[in-house]
Protein backbone atom coordinates (compact mmCIF):
# COMPACT_ATOMS: atom_id res chain seq x y z
CA MET A 1 -24.50 -19.12 68.58
CA LYS A 2 -27.60 -20.86 67.41
CA PRO A 3 -27.41 -24.76 67.66
CA GLN A 4 -27.54 -24.37 63.63
CA GLN A 5 -24.55 -22.79 63.18
CA ASP A 6 -21.96 -25.68 62.83
CA ASP A 7 -23.54 -27.18 60.04
CA PHE A 8 -23.83 -23.30 58.21
CA LEU A 9 -20.50 -23.28 59.13
CA LEU A 10 -19.48 -26.07 56.96
CA TRP A 11 -21.32 -25.46 53.94
CA LYS A 12 -20.31 -22.07 54.07
CA LEU A 13 -16.60 -23.21 54.40
CA PHE A 14 -17.75 -25.74 51.22
CA THR A 15 -19.02 -23.13 48.52
CA ARG A 16 -16.55 -20.76 49.40
CA LEU A 17 -14.00 -23.33 48.79
CA ARG A 18 -15.79 -24.17 45.36
CA GLU A 19 -15.26 -21.08 44.51
CA TRP A 20 -11.54 -21.21 44.60
CA HIS A 21 -11.69 -24.23 42.92
CA PHE A 22 -11.52 -26.23 44.95
CA PRO A 23 -11.93 -29.55 43.08
CA LEU A 24 -14.13 -30.06 46.10
CA THR A 25 -17.27 -32.79 45.07
CA PRO A 26 -20.58 -33.65 47.58
CA ASP A 27 -18.73 -36.97 48.83
CA ASP A 28 -16.00 -34.65 49.92
CA TYR A 29 -18.69 -33.09 52.11
CA GLN A 30 -20.38 -35.94 53.47
CA SER A 31 -17.01 -37.40 54.52
CA LEU A 32 -16.27 -34.21 56.68
CA HIS A 33 -19.85 -34.97 57.71
CA ASP A 34 -19.09 -38.79 58.23
CA ALA A 35 -15.76 -38.11 60.26
CA LEU A 36 -18.07 -35.89 62.52
CA ASN A 37 -20.47 -38.61 63.34
CA ALA A 38 -17.58 -40.44 63.76
CA GLY A 39 -16.83 -37.79 67.15
CA PHE A 40 -13.59 -36.40 64.76
CA GLY A 41 -13.47 -32.29 65.62
CA TRP A 42 -15.23 -32.06 68.47
CA GLN A 43 -12.72 -31.08 70.97
CA SER A 44 -12.11 -27.62 70.00
CA LEU A 45 -12.19 -25.58 66.25
CA ASP A 46 -8.81 -26.49 65.73
CA LYS A 47 -9.31 -30.14 66.04
CA LEU A 48 -12.47 -28.97 63.37
CA ARG A 49 -9.86 -26.43 61.70
CA HIS A 50 -7.60 -29.72 61.27
CA LEU A 51 -10.07 -31.97 60.20
CA CYS A 52 -11.79 -29.99 57.27
CA CYS A 53 -7.80 -29.26 55.91
CA ALA A 54 -6.71 -33.06 56.06
CA LEU A 55 -9.73 -33.92 54.06
CA TRP A 56 -10.09 -30.91 52.00
CA ALA A 57 -6.41 -29.71 51.06
CA LYS A 58 -4.71 -31.79 48.51
CA SER A 59 -1.79 -29.03 48.49
CA CYS A 60 -0.01 -26.53 51.35
CA GLN A 61 -2.06 -23.91 49.38
CA GLU A 62 -4.80 -25.40 49.36
CA GLN A 63 -4.38 -25.29 53.31
CA GLU A 64 -3.67 -21.24 53.53
CA ILE A 65 -6.76 -21.39 51.03
CA LEU A 66 -8.71 -23.38 54.24
CA LEU A 67 -7.15 -21.38 56.96
CA ALA A 68 -7.83 -17.96 55.78
CA GLU A 69 -11.42 -19.26 55.00
CA PHE A 70 -12.39 -21.38 58.12
CA ASP A 71 -11.02 -17.94 60.29
CA ARG A 72 -12.36 -15.07 58.37
CA LEU A 73 -15.78 -17.80 58.89
CA VAL A 74 -15.39 -17.85 62.34
CA GLU A 75 -14.93 -14.70 62.90
CA ASN A 76 -17.82 -13.52 61.40
CA ALA A 77 -19.91 -15.73 63.00
CA GLU A 78 -19.03 -14.22 66.26
CA TRP A 79 -18.08 -18.16 68.08
CA GLU A 80 -17.74 -19.54 71.84
CA ASP A 81 -15.23 -21.85 72.87
CA TRP A 82 -16.04 -24.97 71.36
CA GLY A 83 -15.02 -26.60 74.46
CA SER A 84 -17.66 -24.95 76.55
CA LEU A 85 -20.48 -25.37 73.85
CA LEU A 86 -19.59 -29.17 73.80
CA GLN A 87 -20.16 -29.22 78.25
CA GLN A 88 -23.08 -27.54 77.47
CA ALA A 89 -24.62 -29.36 75.26
CA GLN A 90 -23.64 -32.26 77.89
CA ALA A 91 -24.95 -31.11 80.60
CA GLN A 92 -28.56 -30.44 78.84
CA GLN A 93 -29.25 -33.96 77.94
CA GLU A 94 -27.68 -35.02 81.16
CA THR A 95 -30.96 -32.75 82.49
CA PRO A 96 -33.86 -35.63 82.70
CA VAL A 97 -36.80 -33.96 80.75
CA HIS A 98 -39.80 -35.35 83.79
CA ASP A 99 -38.15 -32.77 85.80
CA GLU A 100 -38.63 -29.40 84.82
CA GLN A 101 -42.31 -31.37 83.85
CA THR A 102 -41.97 -32.02 87.95
CA THR A 103 -41.21 -28.71 88.24
CA ALA A 104 -43.96 -27.19 86.05
CA THR A 105 -46.82 -29.13 87.20
CA SER A 106 -45.91 -27.63 90.94
CA ILE A 107 -45.63 -24.42 89.78
CA ALA A 108 -49.29 -24.79 88.38
CA SER A 109 -50.65 -26.15 92.04
CA ASP A 110 -48.78 -23.91 93.75
CA ALA A 111 -50.86 -20.91 91.70
CA THR A 112 -54.13 -22.43 91.80
CA LYS A 113 -53.76 -23.50 95.22
CA THR A 114 -53.05 -19.57 96.10
CA ASP A 115 -55.95 -18.02 93.29
CA THR A 116 -58.68 -20.34 95.08
CA ARG A 117 -57.54 -18.60 98.87
CA ARG A 118 -57.64 -14.87 97.55
CA ASN A 119 -60.63 -16.72 95.39
CA ALA A 120 -62.68 -16.90 98.75
CA THR A 121 -61.50 -13.71 100.37
CA HIS A 122 -62.51 -11.30 97.94
CA ASP A 123 -66.26 -10.41 96.74
CA PRO A 124 -68.42 -13.16 94.58
CA ASP A 125 -68.68 -10.71 91.64
CA ASP A 126 -65.07 -10.84 91.32
CA GLN A 127 -64.53 -14.52 91.65
CA GLN A 128 -65.54 -14.60 87.75
CA ASN A 129 -62.59 -12.13 86.90
CA ARG A 130 -59.97 -13.77 89.26
CA GLU A 131 -60.72 -17.27 87.90
CA GLY A 132 -60.96 -16.50 84.54
CA ALA A 133 -57.50 -15.08 84.85
CA THR A 134 -56.23 -18.17 87.41
CA GLU A 135 -57.19 -20.38 84.00
CA PHE A 136 -55.08 -18.36 81.94
CA GLN A 137 -51.78 -17.92 84.01
CA THR A 138 -52.29 -21.62 85.25
CA SER A 139 -52.65 -22.85 81.01
CA SER A 140 -49.66 -20.63 80.27
CA GLU A 141 -47.08 -21.29 83.17
CA THR A 142 -48.00 -25.16 82.55
CA LYS A 143 -48.11 -25.25 78.63
CA GLY A 144 -45.29 -23.20 78.04
CA ILE A 145 -42.18 -24.90 77.12
CA SER A 146 -38.40 -23.27 77.64
CA THR A 147 -35.77 -22.34 75.46
CA ASP A 148 -34.03 -25.18 76.71
CA SER A 149 -36.70 -28.11 77.16
CA LEU A 150 -37.41 -27.81 73.11
CA LEU A 151 -33.75 -27.63 71.82
CA GLN A 152 -33.52 -31.18 74.15
CA GLU A 153 -36.45 -32.42 72.55
CA ILE A 154 -35.22 -31.45 69.06
CA SER A 155 -32.10 -33.13 69.36
CA HIS A 156 -33.89 -35.96 71.05
CA PHE A 157 -36.30 -36.82 67.85
CA GLU A 158 -33.53 -36.38 65.43
CA HIS A 159 -31.65 -38.75 67.30
CA GLN A 160 -34.89 -40.91 67.27
CA ALA A 161 -36.32 -40.14 63.78
CA HIS A 162 -35.24 -40.20 60.22
CA LEU A 163 -36.73 -38.08 57.05
CA ILE A 164 -37.91 -40.28 53.89
CA LEU A 165 -36.71 -37.92 51.16
CA SER A 166 -37.91 -38.64 47.14
CA PRO A 167 -34.96 -37.78 45.28
CA ARG A 168 -36.35 -35.50 42.19
CA TYR A 169 -34.51 -35.98 38.76
CA ILE A 170 -34.02 -34.51 35.99
CA VAL A 171 -36.68 -36.62 34.61
CA SER A 172 -38.61 -38.89 35.97
CA TYR A 173 -37.94 -43.10 36.21
CA ARG A 174 -41.38 -43.03 33.92
CA GLN A 175 -40.33 -40.65 31.11
CA VAL A 176 -37.42 -42.36 30.58
CA ALA A 177 -39.07 -45.72 30.40
CA GLN A 178 -42.17 -43.92 27.85
CA ALA A 179 -39.18 -42.93 25.89
CA TRP A 180 -37.08 -46.21 25.72
CA ARG A 181 -40.53 -48.33 24.93
CA ARG A 182 -40.15 -47.06 22.35
CA LEU A 183 -36.63 -48.63 20.87
CA ARG A 184 -38.12 -51.61 18.60
CA ARG A 185 -36.50 -53.73 16.26
CA PHE A 186 -38.57 -56.58 15.75
CA VAL A 187 -36.86 -59.70 13.41
CA ARG A 188 -38.87 -63.07 13.60
CA GLN A 189 -36.66 -65.78 14.99
CA GLY A 190 -37.01 -68.95 16.84
CA PRO A 191 -39.39 -71.63 16.36
CA LYS A 192 -42.70 -71.27 14.65
CA THR A 193 -45.50 -71.00 17.13
CA GLU A 194 -48.08 -68.18 15.53
CA LEU A 195 -50.68 -68.74 12.87
CA ASP A 196 -49.70 -67.08 9.55
CA ILE A 197 -53.45 -65.99 8.21
CA ASP A 198 -52.00 -63.72 5.07
CA ALA A 199 -49.52 -66.86 3.93
CA SER A 200 -52.31 -70.09 4.86
CA ILE A 201 -55.12 -68.32 2.68
CA ALA A 202 -52.51 -67.84 -0.29
CA LEU A 203 -51.24 -71.31 -0.15
CA ARG A 204 -55.46 -72.54 0.39
CA CYS A 205 -56.23 -70.13 -2.93
CA HIS A 206 -53.12 -71.20 -4.91
CA ARG A 207 -53.44 -75.21 -4.48
CA GLY A 208 -57.75 -75.18 -4.60
CA ALA A 209 -57.51 -77.49 -2.03
CA ILE A 210 -56.89 -77.91 1.72
CA THR A 211 -53.84 -77.44 2.76
CA PRO A 212 -52.25 -77.26 6.45
CA LEU A 213 -52.10 -74.10 8.13
CA VAL A 214 -48.39 -72.13 7.37
CA LEU A 215 -46.79 -70.81 10.91
CA LYS A 216 -43.97 -68.22 11.61
CA ALA A 217 -41.71 -67.48 13.72
CA ARG A 218 -42.97 -64.84 17.44
CA ALA A 219 -41.70 -61.68 16.87
CA ARG A 220 -39.27 -60.72 19.29
CA ASN A 221 -37.53 -57.07 19.44
CA ALA A 222 -33.80 -57.21 18.04
CA VAL A 223 -32.41 -54.77 20.00
CA ARG A 224 -29.23 -55.00 21.74
CA LEU A 225 -27.86 -52.12 23.83
CA LEU A 226 -24.74 -51.19 25.25
CA LEU A 227 -24.51 -48.09 27.33
CA LEU A 228 -20.83 -46.73 28.23
CA ILE A 229 -21.32 -44.57 31.22
CA ASP A 230 -18.88 -41.98 32.45
CA ARG A 231 -18.07 -41.97 36.24
CA GLN A 232 -16.59 -40.40 38.94
CA GLY A 233 -15.52 -36.48 38.69
CA SER A 234 -17.64 -34.08 37.10
CA MET A 235 -20.24 -37.16 36.82
CA THR A 236 -20.14 -37.43 41.02
CA PRO A 237 -23.60 -35.69 41.68
CA PHE A 238 -24.85 -37.52 38.94
CA HIS A 239 -24.23 -41.53 40.04
CA HIS A 240 -27.14 -41.72 41.54
CA PHE A 241 -29.54 -40.05 38.89
CA THR A 242 -27.93 -42.22 36.23
CA ASP A 243 -28.14 -45.75 38.36
CA ASN A 244 -31.80 -45.32 38.81
CA ALA A 245 -33.86 -43.29 36.60
CA ILE A 246 -31.25 -43.43 33.38
CA GLN A 247 -29.71 -47.68 33.82
CA GLN A 248 -32.53 -49.40 36.05
CA ALA A 249 -35.62 -47.75 33.88
CA ILE A 250 -33.81 -48.46 30.38
CA TYR A 251 -33.28 -52.42 31.74
CA GLN A 252 -36.56 -52.07 32.79
CA SER A 253 -39.26 -50.53 30.23
CA GLY A 254 -37.03 -51.95 27.38
CA ARG A 255 -37.54 -55.42 27.23
CA PHE A 256 -34.39 -55.69 24.68
CA GLN A 257 -33.14 -59.39 23.26
CA GLN A 258 -29.42 -58.05 25.49
CA ALA A 259 -28.55 -55.35 27.16
CA ALA A 260 -25.34 -54.32 29.22
CA SER A 261 -23.31 -51.78 30.87
CA PHE A 262 -19.85 -50.75 30.92
CA TYR A 263 -18.32 -47.97 33.34
CA PHE A 264 -14.94 -44.83 32.07
CA HIS A 265 -13.78 -42.06 33.68
CA ASP A 266 -13.42 -39.62 31.24
CA ILE A 267 -13.22 -41.68 27.92
CA PRO A 268 -12.22 -45.22 27.06
CA THR A 269 -8.98 -45.02 28.70
CA GLY A 270 -6.57 -46.40 25.27
CA ARG A 271 -2.71 -46.25 23.61
CA ARG A 272 -2.97 -43.30 21.74
CA SER A 273 -0.90 -43.71 18.57
CA GLN A 274 1.90 -41.58 17.06
CA GLU A 275 -0.65 -39.82 14.25
CA ASN A 276 -2.55 -38.18 17.59
CA THR A 277 0.06 -37.49 19.19
CA ALA A 278 1.31 -35.60 16.45
CA LEU A 279 -1.71 -33.84 16.43
CA LEU A 280 -2.33 -33.27 19.66
CA GLN A 281 1.03 -31.44 19.93
CA LYS A 282 0.07 -29.03 16.94
CA LEU A 283 -3.64 -28.44 18.35
CA SER A 284 -1.76 -28.00 21.56
CA ASN A 285 -0.58 -24.29 20.41
CA HIS A 286 -3.67 -23.36 19.94
CA LEU A 287 -5.78 -21.88 23.09
CA PHE A 288 -8.55 -23.45 21.33
CA PRO A 289 -7.56 -25.06 18.13
CA ASP A 290 -10.52 -25.44 15.48
CA THR A 291 -10.07 -29.95 15.12
CA ASP A 292 -12.34 -30.39 12.38
CA ALA A 293 -9.82 -29.53 9.81
CA VAL A 294 -7.38 -32.49 11.35
CA VAL A 295 -10.85 -34.86 12.24
CA SER A 296 -9.91 -36.94 9.07
CA LYS A 297 -6.75 -37.21 10.12
CA ILE A 298 -7.15 -38.65 13.78
CA GLN A 299 -6.81 -42.62 14.10
CA PRO A 300 -9.39 -45.32 15.68
CA LEU A 301 -8.72 -45.38 19.33
CA LYS A 302 -6.38 -48.82 19.73
CA ASN A 303 -5.89 -51.19 22.93
CA ALA A 304 -9.04 -49.26 24.73
CA TYR A 305 -10.59 -50.94 28.20
CA VAL A 306 -13.29 -49.91 29.75
CA TYR A 307 -14.98 -51.39 33.32
CA THR A 308 -17.41 -53.59 34.37
CA ASP A 309 -17.96 -51.76 37.98
CA THR A 310 -18.62 -48.87 38.79
CA ARG A 311 -16.01 -48.57 41.20
CA GLN A 312 -13.57 -49.29 38.31
CA LEU A 313 -11.12 -51.72 39.80
CA HIS A 314 -11.67 -54.64 36.64
CA PRO A 315 -10.77 -53.78 33.28
CA GLN A 316 -12.53 -55.34 30.31
CA ALA A 317 -10.89 -54.47 26.46
CA LEU A 318 -13.42 -52.69 24.77
CA ASP A 319 -12.99 -54.07 21.72
CA GLU A 320 -14.57 -57.83 23.32
CA ALA A 321 -17.34 -55.71 24.94
CA LEU A 322 -18.19 -54.58 21.04
CA ALA A 323 -17.90 -57.66 20.22
CA GLN A 324 -19.92 -59.13 22.78
CA HIS A 325 -23.05 -56.48 22.32
CA GLY A 326 -22.24 -53.54 20.45
CA THR A 327 -21.37 -55.12 17.03
CA GLY A 328 -24.56 -54.19 14.68
CA GLY A 329 -26.13 -52.87 17.65
CA THR A 330 -26.78 -49.59 20.26
CA VAL A 331 -24.12 -47.81 21.76
CA VAL A 332 -25.27 -45.46 23.72
CA ILE A 333 -23.19 -42.98 25.70
CA VAL A 334 -23.64 -41.27 29.05
CA SER A 335 -21.21 -38.18 29.97
CA ASP A 336 -21.46 -35.23 30.54
CA ALA A 337 -18.00 -34.83 28.36
CA GLY A 338 -16.35 -31.24 29.46
CA ALA A 339 -19.23 -29.48 30.46
CA ALA A 340 -19.52 -29.40 34.35
CA ARG A 341 -16.17 -28.03 34.32
CA GLY A 342 -16.84 -25.54 31.46
CA ASN A 343 -13.10 -26.82 29.83
CA TYR A 344 -11.53 -26.94 26.71
CA ASP A 345 -9.99 -29.54 26.42
CA THR A 346 -7.99 -30.97 23.44
CA ALA A 347 -7.01 -33.94 24.36
CA ARG A 348 -10.61 -34.84 26.09
CA LEU A 349 -11.16 -33.66 22.30
CA VAL A 350 -9.24 -35.79 20.39
CA ASP A 351 -9.28 -39.21 22.02
CA SER A 352 -12.97 -38.64 22.71
CA ILE A 353 -13.06 -38.35 18.22
CA ALA A 354 -10.98 -41.73 18.16
CA CYS A 355 -12.92 -42.96 20.63
CA LEU A 356 -15.88 -42.60 18.41
CA LYS A 357 -14.26 -44.18 15.56
CA ARG A 358 -13.70 -47.10 17.13
CA LEU A 359 -17.54 -47.19 17.52
CA TYR A 360 -18.61 -46.39 14.83
CA GLN A 361 -16.51 -49.10 13.10
CA HIS A 362 -18.91 -51.48 14.69
CA THR A 363 -22.01 -49.76 14.53
CA PRO A 364 -23.18 -47.08 13.27
CA HIS A 365 -25.94 -46.54 15.57
CA ILE A 366 -24.73 -44.67 18.54
CA ILE A 367 -26.02 -41.57 20.54
CA TRP A 368 -24.97 -39.41 22.80
CA LEU A 369 -27.38 -37.95 26.37
CA ASN A 370 -25.22 -35.50 28.49
CA PRO A 371 -27.20 -34.86 31.99
CA LEU A 372 -26.32 -30.99 31.53
CA PRO A 373 -28.71 -28.96 28.92
CA PRO A 374 -27.39 -27.67 25.92
CA GLN A 375 -26.36 -23.20 26.91
CA ARG A 376 -23.75 -25.65 29.27
CA TRP A 377 -21.94 -26.89 26.44
CA GLU A 378 -21.00 -23.17 24.62
CA ASN A 379 -17.40 -22.70 24.41
CA ASN A 380 -16.03 -26.07 25.95
CA SER A 381 -15.54 -29.40 24.60
CA ALA A 382 -19.15 -30.73 24.48
CA ALA A 383 -19.87 -28.00 21.61
CA ARG A 384 -16.95 -29.88 19.38
CA ILE A 385 -18.26 -33.61 20.28
CA ALA A 386 -21.46 -32.97 19.44
CA ARG A 387 -20.17 -31.49 16.09
CA HIS A 388 -19.63 -35.31 15.36
CA VAL A 389 -22.19 -36.80 17.23
CA PRO A 390 -25.71 -36.98 17.57
CA MET A 391 -26.33 -35.36 21.23
CA PHE A 392 -29.23 -34.96 23.67
CA PRO A 393 -30.03 -33.40 27.16
CA VAL A 394 -31.80 -36.05 29.30
CA SER A 395 -34.61 -34.16 29.63
CA ARG A 396 -38.03 -35.59 27.82
CA GLU A 397 -37.93 -34.08 24.95
CA GLY A 398 -34.11 -34.99 24.23
CA LEU A 399 -34.80 -38.69 25.07
CA HIS A 400 -37.90 -39.10 22.57
CA GLN A 401 -35.44 -37.28 19.78
CA ALA A 402 -31.97 -39.72 20.85
CA VAL A 403 -35.26 -43.00 20.73
CA ASN A 404 -36.41 -40.85 17.47
CA VAL A 405 -32.58 -41.24 16.05
CA LEU A 406 -31.62 -44.55 16.70
CA ARG A 407 -34.96 -45.61 14.91
CA GLY A 408 -33.63 -44.21 12.24
CA GLN A 409 -34.83 -40.52 12.06
CA VAL A 410 -32.32 -38.28 10.34
CA TYR A 411 -29.71 -36.24 12.31
CA ASP A 412 -27.71 -33.77 10.18
CA VAL A 413 -24.38 -33.42 12.53
CA ALA A 414 -21.80 -30.57 11.03
CA TYR A 415 -19.01 -33.03 10.56
CA PRO A 416 -20.20 -36.63 10.41
CA LEU A 417 -17.37 -39.46 11.32
């Protein structure tokens, strides 16, 4: 067995379970690594199998599939006994490194002495050739490293050194900042501190005498931004990206008058009206229902609430958040809209339209940023939602198009709300 096979087995098992449509995310894979680092699952293969079931299997059927895939992968990999491998690893760690170096040095010195004696008894003509052979033999023996010693040094390096990895996002921080720096709505407000040259000249020409200078208020960016960010579920792989490359870049580059972020899962949670419930029951009879015929009948979402923290522990009413930050401002929704799983969720579609209607009651400046490319929107809920709201991919071109729409550029949607 190779030392790298343990992680290969776990990753292969993880990908196989994903193919079986297990709802596993990178956080689940990291949880297994954390458990292994804590000392669980190393006693035997049965312990490792039990640990995988405890973390990844949520039902009896999933447990049966996991056990079958685990046994198949272990059998194909021709694994040895887990306990004996653990004992070998511990024995290698207990063996000091300097013992191997001392042994190699002593062997090299003995070989040098032996070759020197042989050179003294032979002819001088062969002395140079034998010295070259001795030098080659000594250097190969002193510089050679055994496999066990090499593995031990690698293991020691892994425990001592730390790799610093730079994340590579869909778009860079700089590209996001360049796009959102263009979002400006200048309004002159506050104390009059700047000189109004045109008004001062016009006043003097009108009166024909020396007049006091005319001052004006400083132009300020009056954009008020409200970010509604989808969290958890299919958006879990994009958490770090939305927090750093999107949210932080927009905040630091925009210099808006006001900016705030709220979080939700799939859609802002609220009480579905009786009219929307009745429409949903009618649409549920079809596999891929056409919602365009009933869009006008969908009522705005009522009593919806979002969360002020990323862990979604502190709710706040959506109407309060819109009154404080969104009325007459700019609303940016960051969500995959169901494109990550590729599902056509009628309930999510109806609730999303109801939520958009509630948002449009407060402001017309609404866009939707989708971290997945447009090719992934086809034949799922994202394509239907994009018919009612400007939706753009999180790319350099998509971000500039989104900012252009927020600046007033006309953007045609199939069925505007």
